[in-house]
Protein backbone atom coordinates (compact mmCIF):
# COMPACT_ATOMS: atom_id res chain seq x y z
CA MET A 1 135.91 133.27 102.92
CA THR A 2 132.17 133.74 103.38
CA TYR A 3 129.53 131.29 102.36
CA LYS A 4 126.08 132.06 101.09
CA ARG A 5 123.06 131.04 103.07
CA PRO A 6 121.90 127.60 101.89
CA ARG A 7 118.64 128.46 100.16
CA ARG A 8 118.05 124.85 99.14
CA LEU A 9 117.58 123.84 102.77
CA ASN A 10 115.11 126.67 103.34
CA TYR A 11 112.92 125.72 100.38
CA ALA A 12 111.00 123.13 102.44
CA VAL A 13 110.21 125.71 105.09
CA ASN A 14 109.40 128.62 102.78
CA LYS A 15 107.68 127.04 99.78
CA LYS A 16 106.60 123.49 100.58
CA TRP A 17 104.26 124.21 103.48
CA PRO A 18 101.68 126.35 101.61
CA LYS A 19 101.62 123.94 98.70
CA ALA A 20 101.15 120.95 100.92
CA TRP A 21 97.57 121.93 101.89
CA GLY A 22 96.36 121.03 98.41
CA LYS A 23 98.18 117.75 98.67
CA VAL A 24 96.61 117.01 101.98
CA GLY A 25 93.12 117.80 100.73
CA SER A 26 93.44 115.68 97.64
CA ALA A 27 94.94 112.79 99.67
CA VAL A 28 91.95 112.92 102.05
CA ALA A 29 89.51 113.05 99.14
CA HIS A 30 91.30 110.10 97.51
CA TYR A 31 91.12 108.09 100.73
CA LYS A 32 87.34 108.72 101.02
CA LYS A 33 86.80 107.78 97.39
CA LEU A 34 88.76 104.55 97.86
CA GLN A 35 86.70 103.66 100.94
CA THR A 36 83.47 104.03 98.97
CA ARG A 37 84.89 101.95 96.13
CA ILE A 38 85.90 99.20 98.60
CA GLU A 39 82.33 99.16 99.95
CA PHE A 40 80.96 98.88 96.41
CA GLU A 41 83.50 96.58 94.72
CA GLY A 42 85.01 94.68 97.61
CA GLU A 43 88.63 94.36 98.55
CA THR A 44 90.63 93.88 95.38
CA LYS A 45 94.41 93.89 95.23
CA TRP A 46 94.46 97.13 93.30
CA LEU A 47 92.27 98.90 95.83
CA LEU A 48 94.21 97.53 98.83
CA SER A 49 97.53 98.68 97.37
CA ALA A 50 96.05 102.13 96.58
CA VAL A 51 94.77 102.42 100.18
CA LYS A 52 98.21 101.39 101.46
CA ILE A 53 99.86 104.18 99.40
CA VAL A 54 97.31 106.81 100.52
CA THR A 55 97.57 105.85 104.18
CA ALA A 56 101.34 106.19 103.96
CA LYS A 57 100.89 109.69 102.52
CA LEU A 58 98.41 110.60 105.26
CA ASN A 59 100.81 109.31 107.90
CA LYS A 60 103.52 111.45 106.34
CA TYR A 61 101.26 114.50 106.58
CA GLN A 62 100.36 113.43 110.17
CA ILE A 63 96.64 113.13 109.46
CA ASN A 64 94.69 110.92 111.87
CA LEU A 65 92.61 108.35 109.86
CA ASN A 66 90.07 108.02 112.65
CA LYS A 67 89.03 111.69 112.31
CA ILE A 68 88.47 111.62 108.57
């Protein structure tokens, strides 16, 4: 009995990587926009939770926040 190659496991390697560059760029742009809003509006709960979510995304993409 032969099994087919698991194409589901290869999707992340074949398809996800090229698409992720748009995600990374928009996450960096969102982080910069939030930083300017924090300077203008101050630290509100909404902004702090949004920054927390974006920093988690950037850590997932292994982007260093100090170099942004």
